[in-house]
Amino acid sequence: MRVCVPVTREGSVDPRWGRADRLALADVENAEIKSWKEMEVGWGEHHEASTEARHHALVARFLNENSVEAVVAGHMGPAMLAMLERMKIRVRLGMTGDAREATISLAHFMSEEN
């Protein structure tokens, strides 16, 4: 499963999903991270300089291009959450602390759901 999480330079979950400056993409299998790639996205600047619709389109394009199946985040606005639900991307909110641990906890949570 491909998971996306907003991350600080220190490795914590960044509470700002739609305004995140950095994201990590993780491939998770059997509650184990198989790959972890961090990248600069600059969504904070784009959020302030664009309309909500254009910003959401940018986020959606990123998620589609990177085959994201789930998102781990601290907080997300209702319009963004609705968009991800329409995209059939699973979302786990309220996450804090170490971004890798939060990503693994999502895998545990999803396996308990099934």
N, C-alpha and C. Protein backbone atom coordinates (compact mmCIF):
# COMPACT_ATOMS: atom_id res chain seq x y z
N MET A 1 0.84 -1.17 0.00
CA MET A 1 0.00 0.00 0.00
C MET A 1 0.89 1.24 0.00
N ARG A 2 0.53 2.21 -0.83
CA ARG A 2 1.28 3.47 -0.90
C ARG A 2 0.60 4.48 0.02
N VAL A 3 1.38 5.01 0.98
CA VAL A 3 0.88 5.94 1.98
C VAL A 3 1.62 7.27 1.83
N CYS A 4 0.89 8.37 2.01
CA CYS A 4 1.48 9.70 1.97
C CYS A 4 1.27 10.36 3.32
N VAL A 5 2.31 11.01 3.83
CA VAL A 5 2.23 11.69 5.13
C VAL A 5 2.99 13.02 5.05
N PRO A 6 2.40 14.11 5.57
CA PRO A 6 3.16 15.36 5.64
C PRO A 6 4.20 15.24 6.75
N VAL A 7 5.41 15.66 6.47
CA VAL A 7 6.50 15.42 7.42
C VAL A 7 7.37 16.66 7.59
N THR A 8 7.81 16.86 8.82
CA THR A 8 8.75 17.94 9.11
C THR A 8 10.17 17.44 8.81
N ARG A 9 11.11 18.36 8.77
CA ARG A 9 12.52 17.97 8.55
C ARG A 9 13.03 17.08 9.67
N GLU A 10 12.41 17.19 10.84
CA GLU A 10 12.83 16.39 12.00
C GLU A 10 12.21 15.00 12.00
N GLY A 11 11.30 14.72 11.05
CA GLY A 11 10.71 13.39 10.95
C GLY A 11 9.38 13.21 11.64
N SER A 12 8.79 14.31 12.09
CA SER A 12 7.48 14.23 12.74
C SER A 12 6.37 14.46 11.72
N VAL A 13 5.16 14.04 12.08
CA VAL A 13 4.00 14.35 11.25
C VAL A 13 3.79 15.85 11.30
N ASP A 14 3.78 16.49 10.15
CA ASP A 14 3.47 17.91 10.06
C ASP A 14 1.96 18.03 10.17
N PRO A 15 1.44 18.84 11.09
CA PRO A 15 -0.01 18.93 11.26
C PRO A 15 -0.73 19.57 10.07
N ARG A 16 0.02 20.17 9.16
CA ARG A 16 -0.58 20.89 8.03
C ARG A 16 -0.61 20.02 6.78
N TRP A 17 -1.68 19.31 6.53
CA TRP A 17 -1.75 18.47 5.32
C TRP A 17 -1.77 19.33 4.06
N GLY A 18 -2.77 20.17 3.88
CA GLY A 18 -2.91 20.95 2.65
C GLY A 18 -1.91 22.07 2.50
N ARG A 19 -1.21 22.39 3.58
CA ARG A 19 -0.19 23.43 3.53
C ARG A 19 1.20 22.88 3.81
N ALA A 20 1.34 21.59 3.70
CA ALA A 20 2.63 20.95 3.98
C ALA A 20 3.70 21.43 3.01
N ASP A 21 4.90 21.56 3.52
CA ASP A 21 6.04 21.89 2.66
C ASP A 21 6.76 20.63 2.20
N ARG A 22 6.67 19.57 3.01
CA ARG A 22 7.34 18.31 2.71
C ARG A 22 6.35 17.16 2.90
N LEU A 23 6.51 16.15 2.06
CA LEU A 23 5.72 14.93 2.17
C LEU A 23 6.65 13.73 2.13
N ALA A 24 6.18 12.65 2.68
CA ALA A 24 6.87 11.37 2.53
C ALA A 24 5.90 10.41 1.85
N LEU A 25 6.44 9.63 0.92
CA LEU A 25 5.71 8.54 0.30
C LEU A 25 6.31 7.26 0.83
N ALA A 26 5.46 6.40 1.35
CA ALA A 26 5.94 5.14 1.92
C ALA A 26 5.19 3.98 1.28
N ASP A 27 5.93 2.95 0.96
CA ASP A 27 5.32 1.70 0.54
C ASP A 27 5.32 0.80 1.76
N VAL A 28 4.12 0.38 2.17
CA VAL A 28 3.94 -0.40 3.39
C VAL A 28 3.38 -1.77 3.02
N GLU A 29 4.00 -2.79 3.60
CA GLU A 29 3.56 -4.16 3.36
C GLU A 29 3.65 -4.92 4.68
N ASN A 30 2.56 -5.56 5.08
CA ASN A 30 2.52 -6.32 6.34
C ASN A 30 2.98 -5.47 7.52
N ALA A 31 2.46 -4.24 7.59
CA ALA A 31 2.78 -3.30 8.68
C ALA A 31 4.28 -3.01 8.79
N GLU A 32 4.98 -3.06 7.66
CA GLU A 32 6.41 -2.76 7.61
C GLU A 32 6.66 -1.80 6.45
N ILE A 33 7.44 -0.76 6.71
CA ILE A 33 7.80 0.20 5.66
C ILE A 33 8.87 -0.42 4.77
N LYS A 34 8.54 -0.60 3.49
CA LYS A 34 9.48 -1.17 2.52
C LYS A 34 10.29 -0.08 1.82
N SER A 35 9.69 1.10 1.65
CA SER A 35 10.43 2.23 1.08
C SER A 35 9.87 3.52 1.67
N TRP A 36 10.73 4.52 1.73
CA TRP A 36 10.38 5.82 2.32
C TRP A 36 11.09 6.89 1.52
N LYS A 37 10.34 7.79 0.91
CA LYS A 37 10.93 8.86 0.11
C LYS A 37 10.32 10.18 0.53
N GLU A 38 11.16 11.13 0.95
CA GLU A 38 10.70 12.46 1.33
C GLU A 38 10.98 13.43 0.20
N MET A 39 10.05 14.41 0.04
CA MET A 39 10.22 15.40 -1.03
C MET A 39 9.61 16.73 -0.63
N GLU A 40 10.14 17.79 -1.20
CA GLU A 40 9.60 19.13 -1.02
C GLU A 40 8.43 19.30 -1.97
N VAL A 41 7.30 19.83 -1.46
CA VAL A 41 6.15 20.08 -2.33
C VAL A 41 5.70 21.54 -2.30
N GLY A 42 5.99 22.26 -1.24
CA GLY A 42 5.65 23.68 -1.17
C GLY A 42 4.17 23.99 -1.24
N TRP A 43 3.35 23.11 -0.70
CA TRP A 43 1.91 23.34 -0.75
C TRP A 43 1.48 24.57 0.05
N GLY A 44 2.24 24.93 1.06
CA GLY A 44 1.90 26.11 1.86
C GLY A 44 1.88 27.37 1.01
N GLU A 45 2.91 27.57 0.20
CA GLU A 45 2.98 28.73 -0.68
C GLU A 45 1.88 28.69 -1.72
N HIS A 46 1.66 27.51 -2.31
CA HIS A 46 0.63 27.38 -3.34
C HIS A 46 -0.75 27.65 -2.76
N HIS A 47 -0.98 27.18 -1.55
CA HIS A 47 -2.28 27.37 -0.89
C HIS A 47 -2.61 28.85 -0.77
N GLU A 48 -1.61 29.64 -0.41
CA GLU A 48 -1.81 31.08 -0.22
C GLU A 48 -1.93 31.84 -1.54
N ALA A 49 -1.32 31.33 -2.60
CA ALA A 49 -1.25 32.05 -3.87
C ALA A 49 -2.30 31.60 -4.88
N SER A 50 -3.15 30.65 -4.52
CA SER A 50 -4.06 30.08 -5.49
C SER A 50 -5.48 29.99 -4.92
N THR A 51 -6.41 29.61 -5.76
CA THR A 51 -7.77 29.36 -5.30
C THR A 51 -7.84 27.98 -4.67
N GLU A 52 -8.88 27.75 -3.87
CA GLU A 52 -9.05 26.44 -3.24
C GLU A 52 -9.17 25.34 -4.31
N ALA A 53 -9.91 25.60 -5.37
CA ALA A 53 -10.10 24.59 -6.42
C ALA A 53 -8.78 24.23 -7.09
N ARG A 54 -7.97 25.22 -7.39
CA ARG A 54 -6.66 24.95 -8.03
C ARG A 54 -5.73 24.21 -7.08
N HIS A 55 -5.79 24.60 -5.81
CA HIS A 55 -4.94 23.93 -4.82
C HIS A 55 -5.35 22.46 -4.68
N HIS A 56 -6.64 22.21 -4.58
CA HIS A 56 -7.12 20.83 -4.47
C HIS A 56 -6.75 20.03 -5.71
N ALA A 57 -6.82 20.65 -6.87
CA ALA A 57 -6.43 19.96 -8.11
C ALA A 57 -4.95 19.58 -8.08
N LEU A 58 -4.11 20.47 -7.56
CA LEU A 58 -2.67 20.18 -7.43
C LEU A 58 -2.45 18.98 -6.51
N VAL A 59 -3.13 18.97 -5.38
CA VAL A 59 -3.01 17.86 -4.44
C VAL A 59 -3.50 16.56 -5.08
N ALA A 60 -4.66 16.61 -5.71
CA ALA A 60 -5.22 15.41 -6.36
C ALA A 60 -4.28 14.86 -7.43
N ARG A 61 -3.71 15.75 -8.23
CA ARG A 61 -2.78 15.32 -9.28
C ARG A 61 -1.56 14.62 -8.66
N PHE A 62 -1.01 15.20 -7.59
CA PHE A 62 0.14 14.59 -6.91
C PHE A 62 -0.22 13.19 -6.42
N LEU A 63 -1.37 13.07 -5.77
CA LEU A 63 -1.78 11.77 -5.22
C LEU A 63 -1.99 10.75 -6.33
N ASN A 64 -2.63 11.16 -7.42
CA ASN A 64 -2.83 10.25 -8.55
C ASN A 64 -1.51 9.85 -9.20
N GLU A 65 -0.64 10.82 -9.46
CA GLU A 65 0.63 10.53 -10.12
C GLU A 65 1.52 9.61 -9.29
N ASN A 66 1.31 9.62 -7.96
CA ASN A 66 2.14 8.80 -7.08
C ASN A 66 1.39 7.57 -6.55
N SER A 67 0.23 7.29 -7.13
CA SER A 67 -0.55 6.08 -6.79
C SER A 67 -0.80 5.94 -5.29
N VAL A 68 -1.12 7.06 -4.63
CA VAL A 68 -1.36 7.06 -3.19
C VAL A 68 -2.70 6.39 -2.89
N GLU A 69 -2.68 5.47 -1.93
CA GLU A 69 -3.88 4.75 -1.53
C GLU A 69 -4.40 5.20 -0.17
N ALA A 70 -3.53 5.81 0.64
CA ALA A 70 -3.92 6.23 1.99
C ALA A 70 -3.09 7.45 2.40
N VAL A 71 -3.69 8.27 3.27
CA VAL A 71 -3.03 9.46 3.79
C VAL A 71 -3.09 9.42 5.30
N VAL A 72 -1.97 9.73 5.92
CA VAL A 72 -1.86 9.89 7.37
C VAL A 72 -1.63 11.38 7.60
N ALA A 73 -2.41 12.00 8.47
CA ALA A 73 -2.25 13.43 8.70
C ALA A 73 -2.76 13.80 10.09
N GLY A 74 -2.36 14.98 10.53
CA GLY A 74 -2.85 15.50 11.79
C GLY A 74 -4.23 16.11 11.63
N HIS A 75 -4.38 16.94 10.60
CA HIS A 75 -5.62 17.67 10.38
C HIS A 75 -5.83 17.85 8.89
N MET A 76 -7.10 18.00 8.51
CA MET A 76 -7.45 18.23 7.12
C MET A 76 -8.80 18.94 7.10
N GLY A 77 -8.94 19.93 6.24
CA GLY A 77 -10.22 20.62 6.13
C GLY A 77 -11.29 19.73 5.52
N PRO A 78 -12.56 20.05 5.77
CA PRO A 78 -13.65 19.21 5.29
C PRO A 78 -13.71 19.07 3.76
N ALA A 79 -13.40 20.13 3.02
CA ALA A 79 -13.43 20.04 1.56
C ALA A 79 -12.34 19.09 1.04
N MET A 80 -11.16 19.17 1.63
CA MET A 80 -10.07 18.27 1.23
C MET A 80 -10.42 16.83 1.59
N LEU A 81 -10.95 16.63 2.77
CA LEU A 81 -11.35 15.29 3.20
C LEU A 81 -12.39 14.70 2.24
N ALA A 82 -13.37 15.50 1.87
CA ALA A 82 -14.40 15.04 0.94
C ALA A 82 -13.78 14.67 -0.41
N MET A 83 -12.81 15.46 -0.88
CA MET A 83 -12.16 15.16 -2.15
C MET A 83 -11.43 13.82 -2.08
N LEU A 84 -10.70 13.59 -0.99
CA LEU A 84 -9.96 12.33 -0.87
C LEU A 84 -10.92 11.14 -0.76
N GLU A 85 -12.03 11.34 -0.09
CA GLU A 85 -13.02 10.27 -0.01
C GLU A 85 -13.57 9.94 -1.40
N ARG A 86 -13.85 10.97 -2.21
CA ARG A 86 -14.31 10.74 -3.59
C ARG A 86 -13.25 10.02 -4.41
N MET A 87 -11.98 10.27 -4.10
CA MET A 87 -10.88 9.61 -4.81
C MET A 87 -10.64 8.19 -4.30
N LYS A 88 -11.39 7.80 -3.27
CA LYS A 88 -11.26 6.47 -2.66
C LYS A 88 -9.90 6.29 -1.97
N ILE A 89 -9.37 7.40 -1.46
CA ILE A 89 -8.12 7.36 -0.69
C ILE A 89 -8.49 7.32 0.78
N ARG A 90 -7.98 6.35 1.48
CA ARG A 90 -8.27 6.21 2.91
C ARG A 90 -7.49 7.26 3.68
N VAL A 91 -8.11 7.81 4.72
CA VAL A 91 -7.51 8.89 5.49
C VAL A 91 -7.56 8.55 6.97
N ARG A 92 -6.44 8.78 7.63
CA ARG A 92 -6.36 8.61 9.10
C ARG A 92 -5.87 9.93 9.66
N LEU A 93 -6.75 10.63 10.39
CA LEU A 93 -6.43 11.94 10.95
C LEU A 93 -6.11 11.83 12.44
N GLY A 94 -5.62 12.94 12.99
CA GLY A 94 -5.30 12.99 14.41
C GLY A 94 -3.93 12.41 14.74
N MET A 95 -3.11 12.20 13.73
CA MET A 95 -1.80 11.60 13.94
C MET A 95 -0.78 12.67 14.30
N THR A 96 0.09 12.33 15.26
CA THR A 96 1.16 13.22 15.71
C THR A 96 2.40 12.38 15.93
N GLY A 97 3.50 13.04 16.25
CA GLY A 97 4.73 12.32 16.58
C GLY A 97 5.48 11.85 15.35
N ASP A 98 6.22 10.79 15.53
CA ASP A 98 7.10 10.25 14.50
C ASP A 98 6.28 9.83 13.26
N ALA A 99 6.67 10.35 12.09
CA ALA A 99 5.91 10.09 10.87
C ALA A 99 5.96 8.62 10.45
N ARG A 100 7.08 7.98 10.64
CA ARG A 100 7.18 6.55 10.28
C ARG A 100 6.28 5.70 11.18
N GLU A 101 6.30 6.00 12.47
CA GLU A 101 5.43 5.26 13.40
C GLU A 101 3.96 5.49 13.07
N ALA A 102 3.60 6.72 12.71
CA ALA A 102 2.22 7.03 12.34
C ALA A 102 1.81 6.25 11.09
N THR A 103 2.74 6.12 10.15
CA THR A 103 2.47 5.37 8.92
C THR A 103 2.24 3.90 9.23
N ILE A 104 3.05 3.34 10.08
CA ILE A 104 2.88 1.93 10.46
C ILE A 104 1.57 1.74 11.24
N SER A 105 1.22 2.71 12.08
CA SER A 105 -0.03 2.59 12.83
C SER A 105 -1.24 2.58 11.89
N LEU A 106 -1.15 3.28 10.77
CA LEU A 106 -2.22 3.25 9.78
C LEU A 106 -2.38 1.83 9.24
N ALA A 107 -1.28 1.18 8.95
CA ALA A 107 -1.34 -0.19 8.44
C ALA A 107 -1.98 -1.12 9.46
N HIS A 108 -1.63 -0.96 10.73
CA HIS A 108 -2.26 -1.77 11.78
C HIS A 108 -3.75 -1.48 11.86
N PHE A 109 -4.12 -0.20 11.81
CA PHE A 109 -5.52 0.21 11.88
C PHE A 109 -6.31 -0.39 10.73
N MET A 110 -5.76 -0.34 9.52
CA MET A 110 -6.46 -0.86 8.36
C MET A 110 -6.60 -2.38 8.41
N SER A 111 -5.59 -3.07 8.94
CA SER A 111 -5.70 -4.53 9.02
C SER A 111 -6.76 -4.94 10.06
N GLU A 112 -6.95 -4.12 11.10
CA GLU A 112 -7.98 -4.39 12.09
C GLU A 112 -9.38 -4.14 11.54
N GLU A 113 -9.49 -3.20 10.58
CA GLU A 113 -10.78 -2.91 9.95
C GLU A 113 -11.27 -4.07 9.09
N ASN A 114 -10.33 -4.79 8.48
CA ASN A 114 -10.68 -5.86 7.53
C ASN A 114 -10.96 -7.16 8.19
